[in-house]
Amino acid sequence: MAIALLSHEVSGLTLGKPSLAWLAASASVRVALIALKQNVCISEISVWDCAPGAVDHQKKNDFSEHSPCRTCRCVGKICLQMIICYLATDDSLSNLSAALNAPITALLENNATIHVQHIDPGASLLEALVAIGRGAQNLVVQITDSLEKHGHSLRSNISLHKRLLTRKVLSQNGRKVLSQNAHHGLNYCWLTHEDLLRFLLGHINVFSPLPLMSIKELGIIDSDVVIVGIDEETSSNLEAIKFACSNQTAVAVVDKSKSINGSFQLLSEISRATFQSCDETAAVALASCSVGSFLAYVQDWRSTPHMLMESMSEKLARMSVSSNLREQNLDVVQLLHDLEISSDDEFGVVSPTGPHEVLHRHTFAQFHGIAHAIVGRSHSDPLCCRPSSSMIAVLMQALAHRELYVWVTNEEDNTLAGIVTLEAILKVLLDGLDLT
């Protein structure tokens, strides 16, 4: 049964999936920022590097490791969190124009090509799982002609979405900055941990008794998590935030002044979702605010308290970004705002979630307390489970919320015990299969 299950072709999992939104590796950070802001339904953009002469090779539809089509390949992916973290560095803040005009490859790490791998549409599910087990986060699959025919009815809405996207995504001089069209006639999509697990969920009985075992029994709770204090400077934890983004997890936010037997209670998190609700001005807050104030900023970035803006300016002035940043800090914020595609008139001068005049009447000291309160009652609280939770319960929880991880907290004192990722669940399922 297990062998029959894993013999399914990868192409079967791509039915109905939309074509990848992509940018050339030579595109600038500015172009990527515009593309992500104009298409809120797209959280990631694939980055492609095509060498001269790739057109003829691509039409051979051969995706083996020794295929000539390697001259045109997906080399990575970018998201809004990566861009904001990049803009928040000292080098970027000292010369924003140069940072925004840099190629998007500046955002990619050395191991980006490991996270994104090509796989043949005819490959088996087992091959896909093995690739995931070796560190791949996204598997790039060509959408074949047969798939396009069988999946036509499923993708009617997607086609409409593509037309709207193509019409909307324009640069300031009228040229397209993001494409979902094929690479010389070919379309691609990608498969993730979520896609593979949703498929396996339909055959979960094959993996018995693993699904009903607790995550503690299975040993898939990772206690080595990145923790930051709510009162710590966000800029000092920038590398940790970038590391978590690269691993598709998050940074746990705790109050380090309230230790319980050496452990801490989880207050909030800094994740990709944290950055999805704001714009590039969050880079200034990331470079100058405490963790608590930064989280308050991204939740209400359209109506930032004046005292918080003053504090951000003062902290930027003390940073060794440039000698005259004290006079330029308002220009920095203005430059970031100028990159916004939508004008204030489009969204209105009031935050879309309602008026926030109460914040403007507080001093910064009072706002600091409000930041703690906001973190404690976030409308998007981190997903949590218990060590005694079954693997199937944790899996269903993650899939229902479209998350790649779930935090684990102890029953006794609600302190943070670790994290469980979809990657860990996939590995334990694969290890538990009887392939004989």
Protein backbone atom coordinates (compact mmCIF):
# COMPACT_ATOMS: atom_id res chain seq x y z
CA MET A 1 0.00 0.00 0.00
CA ALA A 2 2.79 2.41 0.92
CA ILE A 3 4.67 1.65 -2.30
CA ALA A 4 1.50 2.17 -4.34
CA LEU A 5 0.87 5.48 -2.58
CA LEU A 6 4.36 6.80 -3.18
CA SER A 7 4.26 5.77 -6.84
CA HIS A 8 1.77 8.57 -7.57
CA GLU A 9 3.21 11.11 -10.00
CA VAL A 10 3.99 14.64 -8.86
CA SER A 11 1.95 15.99 -11.76
CA GLY A 12 -1.22 14.80 -10.04
CA LEU A 13 -0.61 17.22 -7.19
CA THR A 14 -0.33 20.22 -9.51
CA LEU A 15 -3.87 20.08 -10.91
CA GLY A 16 -5.54 23.46 -10.51
CA LYS A 17 -2.44 25.20 -9.20
CA PRO A 18 -1.75 28.65 -10.68
CA SER A 19 1.37 29.46 -12.65
CA LEU A 20 4.24 30.91 -10.67
CA ALA A 21 4.60 34.65 -10.43
CA TRP A 22 8.22 35.33 -11.26
CA LEU A 23 10.90 37.96 -11.74
CA ALA A 24 14.21 37.78 -13.54
CA ALA A 25 17.29 37.62 -11.33
CA SER A 26 18.39 40.93 -12.83
CA ALA A 27 15.27 42.76 -11.55
CA SER A 28 15.80 45.32 -8.81
CA VAL A 29 14.66 45.22 -5.19
CA ARG A 30 12.44 48.20 -6.00
CA VAL A 31 10.63 46.22 -8.72
CA ALA A 32 10.13 43.25 -6.38
CA LEU A 33 8.73 45.55 -3.70
CA ILE A 34 6.24 47.07 -6.13
CA ALA A 35 5.16 43.62 -7.34
CA LEU A 36 4.53 42.28 -3.84
CA LYS A 37 2.64 45.38 -2.73
CA GLN A 38 0.36 45.40 -5.75
CA ASN A 39 -0.56 41.72 -5.36
CA VAL A 40 -1.49 41.03 -1.76
CA CYS A 41 -2.62 37.51 -2.70
CA ILE A 42 0.98 36.63 -3.56
CA SER A 43 3.24 36.12 -0.55
CA GLU A 44 6.29 34.92 -2.48
CA ILE A 45 7.79 35.57 -5.90
CA SER A 46 10.07 33.10 -7.64
CA VAL A 47 13.39 34.35 -9.01
CA TRP A 48 14.63 32.96 -12.33
CA ASP A 49 18.03 33.04 -13.95
CA CYS A 50 17.98 32.27 -17.67
CA ALA A 51 21.21 32.11 -19.62
CA PRO A 52 21.37 33.00 -23.33
CA GLY A 53 20.17 30.17 -25.52
CA ALA A 54 17.86 28.75 -22.87
CA VAL A 55 14.84 29.01 -25.17
CA ASP A 56 15.75 26.05 -27.36
CA HIS A 57 16.75 23.91 -24.38
CA GLN A 58 13.56 24.59 -22.47
CA LYS A 59 11.33 23.23 -25.21
CA LYS A 60 12.82 19.77 -24.72
CA ASN A 61 10.80 19.41 -21.48
CA ASP A 62 13.65 17.49 -19.84
CA PHE A 63 14.18 18.26 -16.17
CA SER A 64 16.83 15.79 -15.13
CA GLU A 65 19.90 17.08 -13.30
CA HIS A 66 21.93 16.72 -16.49
CA SER A 67 19.36 18.43 -18.67
CA PRO A 68 20.36 21.40 -20.87
CA CYS A 69 17.35 23.23 -19.42
CA ARG A 70 19.52 23.93 -16.40
CA THR A 71 20.46 27.11 -18.28
CA CYS A 72 17.07 28.49 -17.20
CA ARG A 73 16.20 27.71 -13.62
CA CYS A 74 14.46 29.04 -10.56
CA VAL A 75 17.23 30.13 -8.21
CA GLY A 76 15.23 31.28 -5.21
CA LYS A 77 12.21 33.07 -3.84
CA ILE A 78 11.62 36.40 -2.13
CA CYS A 79 8.96 37.75 0.20
CA LEU A 80 8.13 41.08 1.82
CA GLN A 81 9.87 40.09 5.05
CA MET A 82 13.16 39.57 3.21
CA ILE A 83 12.91 43.00 1.58
CA ILE A 84 12.06 44.84 4.80
CA CYS A 85 14.90 43.12 6.70
CA TYR A 86 17.25 44.03 3.86
CA LEU A 87 16.18 47.69 3.94
CA ALA A 88 16.56 47.81 7.73
CA THR A 89 20.31 47.17 7.68
CA ASP A 90 22.79 49.97 8.30
CA ASP A 91 24.15 49.81 4.75
CA SER A 92 20.68 50.07 3.21
CA LEU A 93 19.50 52.92 5.43
CA SER A 94 22.64 54.91 4.69
CA ASN A 95 21.93 54.71 0.94
CA LEU A 96 18.34 53.68 0.27
CA SER A 97 18.49 54.53 -3.40
CA ALA A 98 21.36 52.12 -3.99
CA ALA A 99 19.69 49.45 -1.86
CA LEU A 100 16.44 49.67 -3.80
CA ASN A 101 18.21 49.60 -7.16
CA ALA A 102 20.29 46.55 -6.25
CA PRO A 103 19.39 43.27 -8.01
CA ILE A 104 17.06 40.97 -6.10
CA THR A 105 19.82 38.38 -5.94
CA ALA A 106 21.18 40.53 -3.09
CA LEU A 107 18.28 39.18 -1.02
CA LEU A 108 19.09 35.54 -1.70
CA GLU A 109 21.34 33.53 0.56
CA ASN A 110 24.03 31.13 -0.57
CA ASN A 111 21.73 28.16 0.11
CA ALA A 112 18.74 29.62 -1.76
CA THR A 113 19.11 27.09 -4.57
CA ILE A 114 18.83 24.26 -2.02
CA HIS A 115 15.49 25.60 -0.77
CA VAL A 116 14.09 25.71 -4.32
CA GLN A 117 14.57 22.64 -6.53
CA HIS A 118 13.26 21.56 -9.92
CA ILE A 119 11.55 18.19 -10.22
CA ASP A 120 10.19 16.32 -13.22
CA PRO A 121 6.36 16.27 -13.55
CA GLY A 122 6.59 12.51 -13.99
CA ALA A 123 8.59 12.01 -10.81
CA SER A 124 7.05 9.89 -8.07
CA LEU A 125 5.74 11.22 -4.79
CA LEU A 126 8.60 9.40 -3.08
CA GLU A 127 11.13 11.41 -5.10
CA ALA A 128 9.38 14.61 -4.05
CA LEU A 129 9.47 13.57 -0.39
CA VAL A 130 13.17 12.72 -0.66
CA ALA A 131 13.87 16.17 -2.13
CA ILE A 132 11.94 17.77 0.74
CA GLY A 133 13.91 15.65 3.19
CA ARG A 134 17.14 17.02 1.75
CA GLY A 135 16.13 20.59 2.54
CA ALA A 136 13.95 21.70 -0.37
CA GLN A 137 11.13 24.05 0.65
CA ASN A 138 9.57 24.49 -2.80
CA LEU A 139 9.60 22.03 -5.68
CA VAL A 140 9.33 23.67 -9.11
CA VAL A 141 7.20 21.60 -11.50
CA GLN A 142 6.44 22.28 -15.14
CA ILE A 143 2.73 22.45 -15.96
CA THR A 144 2.40 20.09 -18.93
CA ASP A 145 -0.12 20.33 -21.76
CA SER A 146 -2.09 17.36 -20.43
CA LEU A 147 -2.37 18.99 -17.03
CA GLU A 148 -3.55 22.23 -18.58
CA LYS A 149 -6.34 20.36 -20.40
CA HIS A 150 -7.47 18.33 -17.39
CA GLY A 151 -7.22 21.26 -15.05
CA HIS A 152 -8.89 23.81 -17.32
CA SER A 153 -12.20 23.89 -15.47
CA LEU A 154 -10.45 24.09 -12.12
CA ARG A 155 -8.43 27.09 -13.18
CA SER A 156 -11.14 29.30 -14.66
CA ASN A 157 -10.99 31.63 -11.69
CA ILE A 158 -7.21 31.52 -11.73
CA SER A 159 -7.18 32.64 -15.37
CA LEU A 160 -9.30 35.64 -14.43
CA HIS A 161 -6.91 36.36 -11.58
CA LYS A 162 -3.98 36.23 -13.98
CA ARG A 163 -5.64 38.71 -16.34
CA LEU A 164 -6.30 41.09 -13.49
CA LEU A 165 -2.77 40.68 -12.18
CA THR A 166 -1.20 41.25 -15.58
CA ARG A 167 -3.27 44.40 -16.01
CA LYS A 168 -2.38 45.74 -12.56
CA VAL A 169 1.30 45.00 -12.13
CA LEU A 170 2.94 47.89 -13.93
CA SER A 171 6.02 49.89 -13.09
CA GLN A 172 5.97 53.66 -13.01
CA ASN A 173 6.88 53.90 -16.67
CA GLY A 174 4.12 51.50 -17.69
CA ARG A 175 6.12 48.31 -18.12
CA LYS A 176 5.21 45.02 -16.48
CA VAL A 177 7.28 44.22 -13.41
CA LEU A 178 5.76 40.85 -12.55
CA SER A 179 4.75 38.03 -14.85
CA GLN A 180 2.82 34.80 -14.60
CA ASN A 181 3.32 34.09 -18.29
CA ALA A 182 5.38 31.13 -19.43
CA HIS A 183 9.14 31.03 -19.88
CA HIS A 184 9.11 30.92 -23.70
CA GLY A 185 5.85 28.97 -23.78
CA LEU A 186 6.26 26.96 -20.57
CA ASN A 187 4.42 27.44 -17.29
CA TYR A 188 5.55 26.33 -13.86
CA CYS A 189 4.03 25.92 -10.43
CA TRP A 190 5.53 24.76 -7.20
CA LEU A 191 4.75 22.23 -4.52
CA THR A 192 5.31 22.83 -0.82
CA HIS A 193 5.22 20.86 2.42
CA GLU A 194 1.57 21.83 2.69
CA ASP A 195 0.68 20.40 -0.73
CA LEU A 196 2.35 17.07 0.00
CA LEU A 197 0.77 16.76 3.44
CA ARG A 198 -2.72 17.60 2.16
CA PHE A 199 -2.36 14.75 -0.32
CA LEU A 200 -1.05 12.32 2.30
CA LEU A 201 -3.88 13.30 4.63
CA GLY A 202 -6.27 11.49 2.31
CA HIS A 203 -4.31 8.27 2.92
CA ILE A 204 -3.48 8.84 6.57
CA ASN A 205 -4.46 5.27 7.54
CA VAL A 206 -1.33 4.05 5.75
CA PHE A 207 0.79 5.69 8.43
CA SER A 208 -1.00 4.16 11.43
CA PRO A 209 -0.30 4.33 14.38
CA LEU A 210 1.87 7.47 13.93
CA PRO A 211 -0.97 9.99 13.42
CA LEU A 212 -2.50 9.27 16.84
CA MET A 213 0.78 9.39 18.73
CA SER A 214 1.66 12.57 20.60
CA ILE A 215 4.24 14.93 19.19
CA LYS A 216 6.26 14.38 22.36
CA GLU A 217 6.32 10.60 21.82
CA LEU A 218 7.39 11.10 18.21
CA GLY A 219 10.19 13.44 19.28
CA ILE A 220 9.35 16.14 16.74
CA ILE A 221 9.27 19.07 19.17
CA ASP A 222 12.21 21.32 18.38
CA SER A 223 13.23 23.11 21.58
CA ASP A 224 15.97 25.08 19.82
CA VAL A 225 13.82 28.10 18.97
CA VAL A 226 14.80 31.74 18.50
CA ILE A 227 13.54 33.85 21.41
CA VAL A 228 13.62 37.64 21.76
CA GLY A 229 12.51 39.83 24.64
CA ILE A 230 9.66 42.25 24.11
CA ASP A 231 11.80 45.12 25.42
CA GLU A 232 14.88 44.28 23.33
CA GLU A 233 15.89 46.33 20.31
CA THR A 234 14.58 44.75 17.14
CA SER A 235 17.67 45.80 15.19
CA SER A 236 19.90 43.70 17.45
CA ASN A 237 17.81 40.65 16.55
CA LEU A 238 17.70 41.31 12.81
CA GLU A 239 19.86 38.31 11.93
CA ALA A 240 17.63 36.04 14.02
CA ILE A 241 14.56 37.33 12.19
CA LYS A 242 16.23 36.71 8.82
CA PHE A 243 17.30 33.23 9.92
CA ALA A 244 13.75 32.31 10.93
CA CYS A 245 12.46 33.60 7.59
CA SER A 246 14.96 31.45 5.73
CA ASN A 247 13.81 28.38 7.69
CA GLN A 248 10.11 29.20 7.21
CA THR A 249 9.54 29.54 10.96
CA ALA A 250 9.23 32.54 13.28
CA VAL A 251 10.85 34.32 16.22
CA ALA A 252 9.14 33.85 19.58
CA VAL A 253 8.47 37.07 21.52
CA VAL A 254 8.56 36.69 25.32
CA ASP A 255 8.84 38.85 28.43
CA LYS A 256 12.27 37.92 29.77
CA SER A 257 11.58 39.72 33.04
CA LYS A 258 8.98 37.08 33.89
CA SER A 259 10.83 33.79 33.95
CA ILE A 260 9.10 30.63 35.20
CA ASN A 261 11.71 28.04 36.19
CA GLY A 262 13.97 29.33 33.44
CA SER A 263 11.23 29.29 30.79
CA PHE A 264 9.04 32.03 29.36
CA GLN A 265 5.47 32.39 28.21
CA LEU A 266 4.88 33.10 24.53
CA LEU A 267 3.45 36.59 23.98
CA SER A 268 3.63 36.92 20.22
CA GLU A 269 5.81 36.12 17.22
CA ILE A 270 7.67 37.83 14.39
CA SER A 271 6.89 35.90 11.23
CA ARG A 272 6.20 36.41 7.54
CA ALA A 273 2.59 37.16 8.41
CA THR A 274 3.80 40.00 10.63
CA PHE A 275 5.21 41.81 7.62
CA GLN A 276 2.36 41.03 5.22
CA SER A 277 0.08 43.63 6.80
CA CYS A 278 2.47 46.59 6.47
CA ASP A 279 4.61 48.33 3.86
CA GLU A 280 8.30 49.12 3.45
CA THR A 281 8.22 51.89 6.07
CA ALA A 282 8.38 49.04 8.60
CA ALA A 283 12.11 48.91 7.79
CA VAL A 284 12.57 52.17 9.70
CA ALA A 285 10.66 50.78 12.69
CA LEU A 286 12.62 47.53 12.47
CA ALA A 287 15.86 49.48 12.69
CA SER A 288 14.85 51.77 15.54
CA CYS A 289 12.08 50.29 17.72
CA SER A 290 11.93 47.78 20.52
CA VAL A 291 10.30 44.47 19.68
CA GLY A 292 7.06 45.46 21.40
CA SER A 293 6.88 48.85 19.69
CA PHE A 294 7.70 47.28 16.33
CA LEU A 295 4.83 44.81 16.64
CA ALA A 296 2.51 47.66 17.62
CA TYR A 297 3.73 49.63 14.60
CA VAL A 298 3.08 46.90 12.04
CA GLN A 299 -0.42 46.33 13.42
CA ASP A 300 -1.27 50.03 13.07
CA TRP A 301 1.29 51.36 10.58
CA ARG A 302 -1.18 53.68 8.82
CA SER A 303 -1.81 55.65 12.01
CA THR A 304 1.50 55.79 13.84
CA PRO A 305 1.60 57.87 17.06
CA HIS A 306 3.65 61.05 16.79
CA MET A 307 5.67 60.15 19.89
CA LEU A 308 6.69 56.83 18.34
CA MET A 309 7.82 58.61 15.17
CA GLU A 310 9.93 60.99 17.27
CA SER A 311 11.48 58.08 19.14
CA MET A 312 12.29 56.35 15.85
CA SER A 313 13.97 59.51 14.58
CA GLU A 314 16.03 59.91 17.74
CA LYS A 315 17.21 56.31 17.69
CA LEU A 316 18.12 56.51 14.02
CA ALA A 317 20.12 59.65 14.77
CA ARG A 318 22.16 57.73 17.33
CA MET A 319 22.92 54.91 14.94
CA SER A 320 26.17 54.98 13.03
CA VAL A 321 24.43 54.92 9.68
CA SER A 322 25.70 58.31 8.54
CA SER A 323 26.95 61.47 10.17
CA ASN A 324 23.99 63.59 9.15
CA LEU A 325 21.15 61.10 9.48
CA ARG A 326 19.66 63.31 12.21
CA GLU A 327 18.58 65.76 9.55
CA GLN A 328 17.75 63.08 7.02
CA ASN A 329 15.59 60.72 9.07
CA LEU A 330 12.34 62.34 7.96
CA ASP A 331 13.56 62.10 4.38
CA VAL A 332 14.20 58.41 4.94
CA VAL A 333 10.60 57.86 6.00
CA GLN A 334 9.35 60.05 3.16
CA LEU A 335 11.42 58.16 0.62
CA LEU A 336 9.94 54.88 1.79
CA HIS A 337 6.44 56.32 1.66
CA ASP A 338 7.04 57.63 -1.85
CA LEU A 339 7.45 54.04 -3.01
CA GLU A 340 3.88 53.23 -2.08
CA ILE A 341 1.83 52.40 -5.16
CA SER A 342 -1.48 53.41 -3.63
CA SER A 343 -2.04 57.04 -2.66
CA ASP A 344 -3.51 58.17 0.64
CA ASP A 345 -6.70 59.04 -1.22
CA GLU A 346 -7.15 55.41 -2.26
CA PHE A 347 -7.20 54.11 1.27
CA GLY A 348 -8.25 57.29 3.06
CA VAL A 349 -6.34 59.11 5.74
CA VAL A 350 -7.83 56.87 8.43
CA SER A 351 -6.67 53.34 9.02
CA PRO A 352 -8.99 50.80 7.32
CA THR A 353 -9.62 49.17 10.69
CA GLY A 354 -11.09 52.37 12.11
CA PRO A 355 -10.00 55.57 13.88
CA HIS A 356 -7.10 55.33 16.31
CA GLU A 357 -7.16 58.74 17.93
CA VAL A 358 -6.63 57.20 21.35
CA LEU A 359 -3.05 56.33 20.43
CA HIS A 360 -2.24 59.89 19.47
CA ARG A 361 -3.19 61.24 22.88
CA HIS A 362 -0.59 59.20 24.75
CA THR A 363 3.02 59.98 25.56
CA PHE A 364 5.66 57.55 24.36
CA ALA A 365 5.95 56.07 27.85
CA GLN A 366 2.25 55.35 27.78
CA PHE A 367 2.54 54.01 24.23
CA HIS A 368 5.18 51.59 25.47
CA GLY A 369 2.56 50.11 27.77
CA ILE A 370 0.05 50.03 24.94
CA ALA A 371 2.59 48.11 22.84
CA HIS A 372 2.70 45.42 25.53
CA ALA A 373 -1.08 45.28 25.59
CA ILE A 374 -1.37 45.02 21.81
CA VAL A 375 1.14 42.18 21.72
CA GLY A 376 -0.80 40.40 24.45
CA ARG A 377 -4.13 40.56 22.61
CA SER A 378 -3.12 40.34 18.97
CA HIS A 379 -5.92 39.45 16.59
CA SER A 380 -3.50 36.97 15.02
CA ASP A 381 -2.19 35.15 18.08
CA PRO A 382 0.42 32.46 17.40
CA LEU A 383 -0.86 28.93 16.87
CA CYS A 384 -0.13 26.78 19.91
CA CYS A 385 -0.54 23.15 20.91
CA ARG A 386 0.54 20.93 23.81
CA PRO A 387 3.24 18.24 23.99
CA SER A 388 0.44 15.71 24.48
CA SER A 389 -1.32 16.79 21.28
CA SER A 390 -1.51 14.08 18.63
CA MET A 391 0.39 14.53 15.41
CA ILE A 392 -2.80 14.46 13.35
CA ALA A 393 -4.33 17.20 15.53
CA VAL A 394 -1.29 19.44 15.10
CA LEU A 395 -1.22 18.74 11.37
CA MET A 396 -4.89 19.63 10.95
CA GLN A 397 -4.39 22.79 13.00
CA ALA A 398 -1.48 23.94 10.84
CA LEU A 399 -3.21 23.13 7.54
CA ALA A 400 -6.43 24.85 8.61
CA HIS A 401 -4.53 28.07 9.29
CA ARG A 402 -2.14 27.70 6.32
CA GLU A 403 0.86 27.75 8.67
CA LEU A 404 4.10 25.84 8.34
CA TYR A 405 4.64 25.48 12.09
CA VAL A 406 2.85 25.37 15.45
CA TRP A 407 4.30 26.54 18.76
CA VAL A 408 4.28 24.06 21.66
CA THR A 409 3.50 25.26 25.20
CA ASN A 410 3.53 23.28 28.44
CA GLU A 411 0.27 22.34 30.15
CA GLU A 412 1.43 23.24 33.67
CA ASP A 413 2.51 26.87 33.28
CA ASN A 414 1.87 27.68 29.61
CA THR A 415 5.58 28.28 29.02
CA LEU A 416 7.17 27.78 25.62
CA ALA A 417 8.39 24.22 25.06
CA GLY A 418 9.37 24.43 21.41
CA ILE A 419 8.00 24.32 17.89
CA VAL A 420 6.69 21.66 15.49
CA THR A 421 7.09 22.20 11.75
CA LEU A 422 5.38 20.60 8.78
CA GLU A 423 8.84 19.58 7.62
CA ALA A 424 9.33 17.53 10.79
CA ILE A 425 5.92 15.90 10.37
CA LEU A 426 6.72 14.98 6.76
CA LYS A 427 10.01 13.40 7.78
CA VAL A 428 8.48 11.29 10.55
CA LEU A 429 5.75 10.06 8.18
CA LEU A 430 8.30 9.09 5.55
CA ASP A 431 10.52 7.35 8.12
CA GLY A 432 7.54 5.39 9.40
CA LEU A 433 6.57 3.93 6.03
CA ASP A 434 7.14 0.26 5.31
CA LEU A 435 8.61 0.32 1.81
CA THR A 436 9.44 -3.38 1.68
